Amino acid sequence: MYFARPYSAWERGSNERHNGLLRRFIPKGKRIESLSEHTLRRTLHWCNNLPRKILHYKTPQEVFLEEVNKIVDLNTVQFHIAI
C-alpha cells in the first residue's frame, strides 16, 4: 500500500500505466456495469498476460504465481485463478 498526493501521477507510475492500458477497453466515464462480463474477462486476461518491462518482461500473472509458489507448492494444490 502506498499513499500519493492527489493529482501527482508521477508518484504512482505503475498504477497510472495500468490505468492507461485499461482505458483501451474501458473509456473514461463509462460505467463498468454497462460492460459485458465477456468484455471484462477479456480485458483482465489481456492486462494480466501482457509482459511488462518493470517485471523484466514477465507477465503479472507469472510473477504472481512465482510469489504464491514460494509460499504454497502449486503442483500439489488444486485451484482455479479467477483472473
N, C-alpha and C. Protein backbone atom coordinates (compact mmCIF):
# COMPACT_ATOMS: atom_id res chain seq x y z
N MET A 1 0.84 -1.16 0.00
CA MET A 1 0.00 0.00 0.00
C MET A 1 0.89 1.23 0.00
N TYR A 2 0.46 2.23 -0.71
CA TYR A 2 1.23 3.46 -0.74
C TYR A 2 0.26 4.63 -0.78
N PHE A 3 0.77 5.78 -0.44
CA PHE A 3 -0.04 6.99 -0.45
C PHE A 3 0.62 8.01 -1.37
N ALA A 4 -0.16 8.62 -2.19
CA ALA A 4 0.34 9.65 -3.10
C ALA A 4 -0.58 10.86 -3.01
N ARG A 5 -0.02 12.00 -3.26
CA ARG A 5 -0.82 13.23 -3.23
C ARG A 5 -1.77 13.26 -4.42
N PRO A 6 -2.94 13.86 -4.25
CA PRO A 6 -3.89 13.98 -5.36
C PRO A 6 -3.25 14.75 -6.53
N TYR A 7 -3.56 14.32 -7.75
CA TYR A 7 -3.07 14.94 -8.98
C TYR A 7 -1.55 14.90 -9.10
N SER A 8 -0.93 13.88 -8.51
CA SER A 8 0.51 13.69 -8.59
C SER A 8 0.80 12.33 -9.23
N ALA A 9 0.51 12.23 -10.51
CA ALA A 9 0.61 10.95 -11.22
C ALA A 9 2.02 10.39 -11.18
N TRP A 10 3.03 11.23 -11.15
CA TRP A 10 4.42 10.75 -11.14
C TRP A 10 4.76 9.97 -9.88
N GLU A 11 3.94 10.09 -8.84
CA GLU A 11 4.18 9.35 -7.60
C GLU A 11 3.65 7.92 -7.65
N ARG A 12 2.94 7.60 -8.68
CA ARG A 12 2.36 6.26 -8.81
C ARG A 12 2.39 5.81 -10.27
N GLY A 13 3.58 5.76 -10.81
CA GLY A 13 3.78 5.48 -12.23
C GLY A 13 3.19 4.17 -12.72
N SER A 14 3.46 3.07 -12.03
CA SER A 14 2.94 1.77 -12.50
C SER A 14 1.42 1.75 -12.48
N ASN A 15 0.84 2.36 -11.47
CA ASN A 15 -0.61 2.42 -11.36
C ASN A 15 -1.20 3.21 -12.52
N GLU A 16 -0.59 4.34 -12.84
CA GLU A 16 -1.09 5.17 -13.94
C GLU A 16 -0.92 4.46 -15.28
N ARG A 17 0.17 3.73 -15.45
CA ARG A 17 0.39 2.98 -16.68
C ARG A 17 -0.69 1.91 -16.85
N HIS A 18 -1.00 1.22 -15.76
CA HIS A 18 -2.03 0.18 -15.80
C HIS A 18 -3.39 0.79 -16.13
N ASN A 19 -3.70 1.93 -15.52
CA ASN A 19 -4.96 2.61 -15.82
C ASN A 19 -5.05 2.97 -17.29
N GLY A 20 -3.92 3.42 -17.86
CA GLY A 20 -3.90 3.76 -19.28
C GLY A 20 -4.16 2.55 -20.16
N LEU A 21 -3.62 1.41 -19.78
CA LEU A 21 -3.87 0.18 -20.54
C LEU A 21 -5.35 -0.20 -20.48
N LEU A 22 -5.94 -0.07 -19.30
CA LEU A 22 -7.37 -0.41 -19.16
C LEU A 22 -8.25 0.53 -19.97
N ARG A 23 -7.83 1.77 -20.15
CA ARG A 23 -8.62 2.75 -20.90
C ARG A 23 -8.75 2.37 -22.37
N ARG A 24 -7.90 1.48 -22.86
CA ARG A 24 -8.05 1.00 -24.24
C ARG A 24 -9.36 0.25 -24.41
N PHE A 25 -9.83 -0.38 -23.34
CA PHE A 25 -11.05 -1.18 -23.39
C PHE A 25 -12.22 -0.50 -22.70
N ILE A 26 -11.92 0.26 -21.65
CA ILE A 26 -12.97 0.89 -20.86
C ILE A 26 -12.73 2.40 -20.89
N PRO A 27 -13.45 3.12 -21.73
CA PRO A 27 -13.25 4.57 -21.82
C PRO A 27 -13.57 5.29 -20.51
N LYS A 28 -12.86 6.36 -20.25
CA LYS A 28 -13.09 7.14 -19.04
C LYS A 28 -14.54 7.63 -19.03
N GLY A 29 -15.18 7.50 -17.89
CA GLY A 29 -16.57 7.93 -17.75
C GLY A 29 -17.58 6.84 -18.03
N LYS A 30 -17.15 5.74 -18.64
CA LYS A 30 -18.08 4.64 -18.92
C LYS A 30 -18.26 3.81 -17.66
N ARG A 31 -19.48 3.48 -17.34
CA ARG A 31 -19.78 2.70 -16.15
C ARG A 31 -19.44 1.23 -16.40
N ILE A 32 -18.74 0.63 -15.45
CA ILE A 32 -18.35 -0.77 -15.58
C ILE A 32 -19.57 -1.67 -15.65
N GLU A 33 -20.65 -1.26 -15.00
CA GLU A 33 -21.88 -2.06 -15.02
C GLU A 33 -22.42 -2.22 -16.44
N SER A 34 -22.07 -1.30 -17.32
CA SER A 34 -22.60 -1.35 -18.69
C SER A 34 -21.81 -2.30 -19.58
N LEU A 35 -20.69 -2.81 -19.10
CA LEU A 35 -19.87 -3.72 -19.89
C LEU A 35 -20.30 -5.16 -19.67
N SER A 36 -20.13 -5.96 -20.70
CA SER A 36 -20.48 -7.39 -20.55
C SER A 36 -19.39 -8.10 -19.75
N GLU A 37 -19.76 -9.21 -19.16
CA GLU A 37 -18.79 -10.00 -18.41
C GLU A 37 -17.68 -10.50 -19.34
N HIS A 38 -18.05 -10.81 -20.58
CA HIS A 38 -17.06 -11.26 -21.56
C HIS A 38 -16.01 -10.18 -21.80
N THR A 39 -16.43 -8.95 -21.95
CA THR A 39 -15.50 -7.84 -22.17
C THR A 39 -14.59 -7.65 -20.97
N LEU A 40 -15.14 -7.72 -19.77
CA LEU A 40 -14.32 -7.57 -18.56
C LEU A 40 -13.29 -8.69 -18.44
N ARG A 41 -13.71 -9.93 -18.69
CA ARG A 41 -12.79 -11.06 -18.60
C ARG A 41 -11.69 -10.96 -19.66
N ARG A 42 -12.07 -10.55 -20.88
CA ARG A 42 -11.09 -10.40 -21.96
C ARG A 42 -10.08 -9.31 -21.60
N THR A 43 -10.55 -8.22 -21.03
CA THR A 43 -9.68 -7.11 -20.63
C THR A 43 -8.73 -7.55 -19.52
N LEU A 44 -9.25 -8.22 -18.50
CA LEU A 44 -8.40 -8.71 -17.41
C LEU A 44 -7.36 -9.70 -17.91
N HIS A 45 -7.78 -10.61 -18.77
CA HIS A 45 -6.85 -11.60 -19.30
C HIS A 45 -5.74 -10.91 -20.09
N TRP A 46 -6.09 -9.93 -20.92
CA TRP A 46 -5.10 -9.21 -21.71
C TRP A 46 -4.11 -8.48 -20.80
N CYS A 47 -4.62 -7.77 -19.80
CA CYS A 47 -3.75 -7.00 -18.90
C CYS A 47 -2.84 -7.91 -18.08
N ASN A 48 -3.37 -9.01 -17.59
CA ASN A 48 -2.58 -9.90 -16.74
C ASN A 48 -1.59 -10.75 -17.50
N ASN A 49 -1.72 -10.81 -18.82
CA ASN A 49 -0.81 -11.61 -19.64
C ASN A 49 0.04 -10.77 -20.57
N LEU A 50 0.11 -9.48 -20.32
CA LEU A 50 0.94 -8.56 -21.10
C LEU A 50 2.30 -8.43 -20.41
N PRO A 51 3.39 -8.81 -21.08
CA PRO A 51 4.72 -8.68 -20.44
C PRO A 51 5.02 -7.22 -20.12
N ARG A 52 5.65 -7.00 -18.96
CA ARG A 52 5.97 -5.65 -18.51
C ARG A 52 7.48 -5.49 -18.32
N LYS A 53 8.00 -4.39 -18.79
CA LYS A 53 9.42 -4.11 -18.63
C LYS A 53 9.81 -4.09 -17.16
N ILE A 54 8.97 -3.47 -16.32
CA ILE A 54 9.26 -3.35 -14.90
C ILE A 54 9.34 -4.72 -14.21
N LEU A 55 8.74 -5.73 -14.82
CA LEU A 55 8.78 -7.11 -14.29
C LEU A 55 9.79 -7.95 -15.08
N HIS A 56 10.74 -7.30 -15.72
CA HIS A 56 11.76 -7.99 -16.53
C HIS A 56 11.12 -8.81 -17.63
N TYR A 57 10.11 -8.23 -18.25
CA TYR A 57 9.38 -8.81 -19.38
C TYR A 57 8.65 -10.11 -19.04
N LYS A 58 8.32 -10.26 -17.78
CA LYS A 58 7.41 -11.33 -17.37
C LYS A 58 6.02 -10.73 -17.30
N THR A 59 5.02 -11.59 -17.28
CA THR A 59 3.64 -11.10 -17.15
C THR A 59 3.30 -10.97 -15.67
N PRO A 60 2.35 -10.10 -15.33
CA PRO A 60 1.92 -10.01 -13.93
C PRO A 60 1.44 -11.36 -13.39
N GLN A 61 0.78 -12.13 -14.22
CA GLN A 61 0.30 -13.44 -13.77
C GLN A 61 1.47 -14.36 -13.44
N GLU A 62 2.52 -14.37 -14.26
CA GLU A 62 3.70 -15.19 -13.99
C GLU A 62 4.35 -14.80 -12.66
N VAL A 63 4.51 -13.51 -12.45
CA VAL A 63 5.15 -13.02 -11.23
C VAL A 63 4.30 -13.38 -10.01
N PHE A 64 2.98 -13.21 -10.14
CA PHE A 64 2.08 -13.56 -9.05
C PHE A 64 2.21 -15.04 -8.69
N LEU A 65 2.18 -15.91 -9.71
CA LEU A 65 2.27 -17.34 -9.44
C LEU A 65 3.63 -17.72 -8.86
N GLU A 66 4.70 -17.06 -9.29
CA GLU A 66 6.02 -17.32 -8.69
C GLU A 66 6.02 -16.98 -7.20
N GLU A 67 5.41 -15.85 -6.84
CA GLU A 67 5.36 -15.45 -5.44
C GLU A 67 4.50 -16.40 -4.61
N VAL A 68 3.37 -16.81 -5.16
CA VAL A 68 2.50 -17.76 -4.45
C VAL A 68 3.21 -19.09 -4.29
N ASN A 69 3.95 -19.49 -5.31
CA ASN A 69 4.66 -20.77 -5.26
C ASN A 69 5.75 -20.78 -4.18
N LYS A 70 6.24 -19.62 -3.79
CA LYS A 70 7.20 -19.54 -2.69
C LYS A 70 6.55 -19.91 -1.36
N ILE A 71 5.25 -19.72 -1.27
CA ILE A 71 4.51 -19.98 -0.04
C ILE A 71 3.85 -21.35 -0.07
N VAL A 72 3.25 -21.69 -1.21
CA VAL A 72 2.50 -22.93 -1.37
C VAL A 72 3.01 -23.65 -2.60
N ASP A 73 3.19 -24.95 -2.50
CA ASP A 73 3.60 -25.73 -3.66
C ASP A 73 2.41 -25.89 -4.59
N LEU A 74 2.42 -25.14 -5.70
CA LEU A 74 1.27 -25.12 -6.60
C LEU A 74 1.06 -26.44 -7.32
N ASN A 75 2.08 -27.29 -7.35
CA ASN A 75 1.93 -28.59 -8.01
C ASN A 75 1.09 -29.56 -7.19
N THR A 76 0.93 -29.31 -5.90
CA THR A 76 0.18 -30.22 -5.04
C THR A 76 -1.19 -29.68 -4.66
N VAL A 77 -1.46 -28.44 -5.03
CA VAL A 77 -2.74 -27.81 -4.67
C VAL A 77 -3.57 -27.59 -5.92
N GLN A 78 -4.85 -27.94 -5.86
CA GLN A 78 -5.74 -27.67 -6.96
C GLN A 78 -6.43 -26.34 -6.73
N PHE A 79 -6.39 -25.48 -7.73
CA PHE A 79 -7.06 -24.19 -7.61
C PHE A 79 -7.37 -23.66 -8.99
N HIS A 80 -8.22 -22.67 -9.03
CA HIS A 80 -8.59 -22.01 -10.28
C HIS A 80 -8.36 -20.51 -10.09
N ILE A 81 -7.60 -19.92 -10.99
CA ILE A 81 -7.37 -18.48 -10.93
C ILE A 81 -8.54 -17.80 -11.60
N ALA A 82 -9.19 -16.91 -10.89
CA ALA A 82 -10.38 -16.24 -11.40
C ALA A 82 -10.02 -14.92 -12.07
N ILE A 83 -8.89 -14.89 -12.75
CA ILE A 83 -8.49 -13.65 -13.44
C ILE A 83 -8.40 -13.88 -14.92
